[in-house]
Amino acid sequence: MKIPKVIVTYCPRCNAHTDHTVTIYKHGKRRALAEGERRYRAKQKGYGSKRKPEQKRFAKVTKKVVLKLKCRKCGYILHRRGIRTKKMEIKEL
């Protein structure tokens, strides 16, 4: 699926429709010292079963891609809900 580099959509900070630059959202690196991560590692460690069942076969063949929209007027960033596609690319103008 091809997505334009710039789209006109609503900006809540400007309270108007403005130009937004589009990028594909990438999540940051997980912090090893975060409370949830430490709890997860502690529960995984040692004897006994895994914390969650291991998945045998995948039900889905695609990932949901989240779009990151940045307002050109004020710089406000908002995320557009994930779209399930095989391939997502930003179209050059």
N, C-alpha and C. Protein backbone atom coordinates (compact mmCIF):
# COMPACT_ATOMS: atom_id res chain seq x y z
N MET A 1 0.85 -1.18 0.00
CA MET A 1 0.00 0.00 0.00
C MET A 1 0.89 1.23 0.00
N LYS A 2 0.62 2.16 -0.89
CA LYS A 2 1.40 3.38 -0.97
C LYS A 2 0.67 4.51 -0.27
N ILE A 3 1.41 5.23 0.57
CA ILE A 3 0.83 6.33 1.34
C ILE A 3 1.55 7.61 0.94
N PRO A 4 0.83 8.71 0.70
CA PRO A 4 1.50 9.96 0.35
C PRO A 4 2.37 10.49 1.49
N LYS A 5 3.44 11.22 1.12
CA LYS A 5 4.38 11.76 2.10
C LYS A 5 3.73 12.84 2.97
N VAL A 6 2.82 13.60 2.38
CA VAL A 6 2.12 14.68 3.09
C VAL A 6 0.62 14.49 2.92
N ILE A 7 -0.12 14.53 4.04
CA ILE A 7 -1.58 14.48 3.97
C ILE A 7 -2.17 15.65 4.75
N VAL A 8 -3.36 16.06 4.36
CA VAL A 8 -4.07 17.13 5.07
C VAL A 8 -5.06 16.45 6.01
N THR A 9 -4.87 16.68 7.31
CA THR A 9 -5.76 16.09 8.31
C THR A 9 -5.87 17.03 9.50
N TYR A 10 -6.77 16.70 10.42
CA TYR A 10 -7.06 17.56 11.57
C TYR A 10 -5.92 17.54 12.59
N CYS A 11 -5.52 18.72 13.05
CA CYS A 11 -4.52 18.86 14.12
C CYS A 11 -5.24 19.39 15.35
N PRO A 12 -5.23 18.62 16.46
CA PRO A 12 -5.94 19.07 17.66
C PRO A 12 -5.33 20.32 18.31
N ARG A 13 -4.02 20.54 18.13
CA ARG A 13 -3.40 21.72 18.73
C ARG A 13 -3.73 22.99 17.94
N CYS A 14 -3.68 22.89 16.61
CA CYS A 14 -4.03 24.04 15.75
C CYS A 14 -5.55 24.21 15.67
N ASN A 15 -6.28 23.16 15.99
CA ASN A 15 -7.75 23.14 15.91
C ASN A 15 -8.22 23.43 14.49
N ALA A 16 -7.47 22.89 13.50
CA ALA A 16 -7.79 23.09 12.08
C ALA A 16 -7.17 21.98 11.27
N HIS A 17 -7.56 21.88 10.02
CA HIS A 17 -6.96 20.92 9.10
C HIS A 17 -5.67 21.53 8.53
N THR A 18 -4.56 20.84 8.71
CA THR A 18 -3.26 21.33 8.23
C THR A 18 -2.51 20.20 7.54
N ASP A 19 -1.40 20.55 6.88
CA ASP A 19 -0.53 19.56 6.25
C ASP A 19 0.21 18.78 7.33
N HIS A 20 0.30 17.47 7.16
CA HIS A 20 1.03 16.60 8.08
C HIS A 20 2.01 15.73 7.28
N THR A 21 3.25 15.63 7.75
CA THR A 21 4.20 14.72 7.12
C THR A 21 3.98 13.33 7.71
N VAL A 22 4.07 12.31 6.88
CA VAL A 22 3.75 10.94 7.28
C VAL A 22 5.02 10.10 7.35
N THR A 23 5.21 9.39 8.46
CA THR A 23 6.28 8.41 8.60
C THR A 23 5.69 7.15 9.22
N ILE A 24 6.40 6.04 9.09
CA ILE A 24 5.95 4.79 9.70
C ILE A 24 6.52 4.71 11.10
N TYR A 25 5.66 4.48 12.09
CA TYR A 25 6.06 4.45 13.49
C TYR A 25 6.91 3.22 13.79
N LYS A 26 8.03 3.45 14.47
CA LYS A 26 8.87 2.35 14.93
C LYS A 26 8.99 2.46 16.44
N HIS A 27 8.74 1.35 17.15
CA HIS A 27 8.82 1.40 18.60
C HIS A 27 10.26 1.48 19.06
N GLY A 28 10.46 2.10 20.22
CA GLY A 28 11.81 2.26 20.77
C GLY A 28 12.31 0.98 21.41
N LYS A 29 13.57 1.01 21.83
CA LYS A 29 14.18 -0.15 22.48
C LYS A 29 13.60 -0.31 23.88
N ARG A 30 13.34 -1.56 24.27
CA ARG A 30 12.80 -1.82 25.60
C ARG A 30 13.85 -1.56 26.66
N ARG A 31 13.45 -0.96 27.79
CA ARG A 31 14.40 -0.66 28.86
C ARG A 31 14.52 -1.89 29.76
N ALA A 32 15.74 -2.36 29.94
CA ALA A 32 15.99 -3.57 30.72
C ALA A 32 15.70 -3.37 32.20
N LEU A 33 15.78 -2.13 32.69
CA LEU A 33 15.59 -1.87 34.12
C LEU A 33 14.17 -1.39 34.45
N ALA A 34 13.26 -1.40 33.48
CA ALA A 34 11.87 -1.02 33.74
C ALA A 34 11.22 -2.08 34.63
N GLU A 35 10.30 -1.67 35.48
CA GLU A 35 9.70 -2.58 36.47
C GLU A 35 9.05 -3.80 35.82
N GLY A 36 8.29 -3.58 34.76
CA GLY A 36 7.62 -4.68 34.08
C GLY A 36 8.59 -5.67 33.46
N GLU A 37 9.68 -5.15 32.91
CA GLU A 37 10.71 -6.00 32.28
C GLU A 37 11.42 -6.85 33.34
N ARG A 38 11.70 -6.26 34.51
CA ARG A 38 12.35 -7.00 35.60
C ARG A 38 11.43 -8.09 36.13
N ARG A 39 10.15 -7.75 36.25
CA ARG A 39 9.16 -8.72 36.75
C ARG A 39 9.04 -9.88 35.76
N TYR A 40 9.02 -9.56 34.46
CA TYR A 40 8.91 -10.57 33.41
C TYR A 40 10.10 -11.53 33.46
N ARG A 41 11.33 -10.97 33.56
CA ARG A 41 12.54 -11.80 33.61
C ARG A 41 12.58 -12.67 34.85
N ALA A 42 12.12 -12.13 35.97
CA ALA A 42 12.10 -12.90 37.22
C ALA A 42 11.13 -14.07 37.13
N LYS A 43 10.00 -13.85 36.47
CA LYS A 43 9.01 -14.92 36.34
C LYS A 43 9.45 -15.98 35.33
N GLN A 44 10.22 -15.60 34.32
CA GLN A 44 10.71 -16.53 33.31
C GLN A 44 11.83 -17.42 33.86
N LYS A 45 12.57 -16.89 34.85
CA LYS A 45 13.78 -17.54 35.36
C LYS A 45 13.44 -18.79 36.18
N GLY A 46 14.37 -19.73 36.19
CA GLY A 46 14.24 -20.89 37.08
C GLY A 46 13.44 -22.03 36.48
N TYR A 47 13.06 -22.98 37.34
CA TYR A 47 12.31 -24.14 36.90
C TYR A 47 10.83 -23.82 36.79
N GLY A 48 10.08 -24.73 36.19
CA GLY A 48 8.64 -24.51 36.05
C GLY A 48 8.29 -24.07 34.65
N SER A 49 7.04 -23.79 34.48
CA SER A 49 6.55 -23.48 33.13
C SER A 49 6.86 -22.04 32.75
N LYS A 50 6.67 -21.76 31.47
CA LYS A 50 6.84 -20.40 30.95
C LYS A 50 5.70 -19.54 31.48
N ARG A 51 5.91 -18.23 31.42
CA ARG A 51 4.89 -17.29 31.92
C ARG A 51 3.66 -17.30 31.02
N LYS A 52 3.91 -17.38 29.72
CA LYS A 52 2.80 -17.42 28.75
C LYS A 52 3.02 -18.60 27.81
N PRO A 53 1.96 -19.19 27.27
CA PRO A 53 2.14 -20.33 26.38
C PRO A 53 2.86 -19.94 25.10
N GLU A 54 3.72 -20.84 24.62
CA GLU A 54 4.41 -20.59 23.35
C GLU A 54 3.46 -20.87 22.21
N GLN A 55 3.42 -19.97 21.25
CA GLN A 55 2.50 -20.10 20.14
C GLN A 55 3.04 -21.10 19.13
N LYS A 56 2.23 -22.09 18.76
CA LYS A 56 2.66 -23.14 17.85
C LYS A 56 2.58 -22.70 16.39
N ARG A 57 1.45 -22.07 16.03
CA ARG A 57 1.28 -21.60 14.65
C ARG A 57 0.71 -20.18 14.68
N PHE A 58 1.06 -19.43 13.68
CA PHE A 58 0.61 -18.04 13.64
C PHE A 58 -0.75 -17.92 12.98
N ALA A 59 -1.62 -17.13 13.59
CA ALA A 59 -2.95 -16.91 13.04
C ALA A 59 -2.92 -15.79 12.01
N LYS A 60 -2.04 -14.83 12.22
CA LYS A 60 -1.97 -13.66 11.34
C LYS A 60 -0.72 -13.74 10.46
N VAL A 61 -0.82 -13.21 9.26
CA VAL A 61 0.31 -13.22 8.34
C VAL A 61 0.88 -11.80 8.15
N THR A 62 0.22 -10.80 8.72
CA THR A 62 0.68 -9.41 8.59
C THR A 62 0.74 -8.74 9.95
N LYS A 63 1.47 -7.64 10.02
CA LYS A 63 1.52 -6.80 11.22
C LYS A 63 0.75 -5.53 10.95
N LYS A 64 0.23 -4.93 12.02
CA LYS A 64 -0.45 -3.64 11.88
C LYS A 64 0.61 -2.54 11.88
N VAL A 65 0.55 -1.67 10.88
CA VAL A 65 1.50 -0.58 10.76
C VAL A 65 0.83 0.70 11.23
N VAL A 66 1.48 1.39 12.19
CA VAL A 66 0.96 2.64 12.72
C VAL A 66 1.64 3.80 11.99
N LEU A 67 0.84 4.79 11.58
CA LEU A 67 1.38 5.97 10.90
C LEU A 67 1.61 7.09 11.91
N LYS A 68 2.76 7.74 11.81
CA LYS A 68 3.10 8.86 12.68
C LYS A 68 2.93 10.13 11.86
N LEU A 69 1.99 10.97 12.27
CA LEU A 69 1.69 12.21 11.54
C LEU A 69 2.23 13.41 12.31
N LYS A 70 3.02 14.25 11.64
CA LYS A 70 3.59 15.44 12.29
C LYS A 70 3.07 16.68 11.59
N CYS A 71 2.43 17.56 12.37
CA CYS A 71 1.87 18.80 11.82
C CYS A 71 3.00 19.70 11.36
N ARG A 72 2.88 20.22 10.15
CA ARG A 72 3.92 21.10 9.60
C ARG A 72 3.85 22.50 10.20
N LYS A 73 2.70 22.84 10.75
CA LYS A 73 2.51 24.20 11.29
C LYS A 73 3.06 24.30 12.72
N CYS A 74 2.66 23.36 13.60
CA CYS A 74 3.05 23.47 15.02
C CYS A 74 3.98 22.36 15.48
N GLY A 75 4.15 21.29 14.68
CA GLY A 75 5.05 20.20 15.06
C GLY A 75 4.43 19.14 15.95
N TYR A 76 3.11 19.23 16.17
CA TYR A 76 2.42 18.24 17.01
C TYR A 76 2.40 16.88 16.32
N ILE A 77 2.72 15.82 17.07
CA ILE A 77 2.76 14.47 16.51
C ILE A 77 1.57 13.66 17.01
N LEU A 78 0.86 13.02 16.09
CA LEU A 78 -0.21 12.11 16.48
C LEU A 78 -0.08 10.82 15.71
N HIS A 79 -0.58 9.74 16.29
CA HIS A 79 -0.51 8.43 15.66
C HIS A 79 -1.84 8.07 15.04
N ARG A 80 -1.78 7.56 13.83
CA ARG A 80 -2.98 7.08 13.14
C ARG A 80 -3.08 5.59 13.39
N ARG A 81 -4.26 5.09 13.69
CA ARG A 81 -4.50 3.70 14.03
C ARG A 81 -3.87 2.74 13.02
N GLY A 82 -3.41 1.59 13.49
CA GLY A 82 -2.71 0.62 12.65
C GLY A 82 -3.55 0.05 11.53
N ILE A 83 -2.91 -0.09 10.37
CA ILE A 83 -3.56 -0.68 9.18
C ILE A 83 -2.85 -2.00 8.91
N ARG A 84 -3.61 -3.05 8.71
CA ARG A 84 -3.03 -4.37 8.46
C ARG A 84 -2.77 -4.55 6.96
N THR A 85 -1.51 -4.46 6.58
CA THR A 85 -1.14 -4.63 5.17
C THR A 85 0.13 -5.48 5.08
N LYS A 86 0.32 -6.11 3.92
CA LYS A 86 1.54 -6.90 3.67
C LYS A 86 2.73 -5.96 3.59
N LYS A 87 2.58 -4.86 2.82
CA LYS A 87 3.69 -3.95 2.61
C LYS A 87 3.18 -2.51 2.60
N MET A 88 3.87 -1.66 3.34
CA MET A 88 3.48 -0.24 3.42
C MET A 88 4.68 0.59 3.01
N GLU A 89 4.48 1.51 2.07
CA GLU A 89 5.59 2.38 1.69
C GLU A 89 5.09 3.80 1.52
N ILE A 90 5.98 4.74 1.83
CA ILE A 90 5.64 6.17 1.70
C ILE A 90 6.00 6.60 0.29
N LYS A 91 5.00 7.14 -0.40
CA LYS A 91 5.14 7.53 -1.79
C LYS A 91 5.91 8.83 -1.91
N GLU A 92 6.91 8.85 -2.78
CA GLU A 92 7.68 10.08 -3.04
C GLU A 92 6.85 11.00 -3.93
N LEU A 93 7.01 12.29 -3.71
CA LEU A 93 6.26 13.26 -4.51
C LEU A 93 6.96 13.59 -5.80
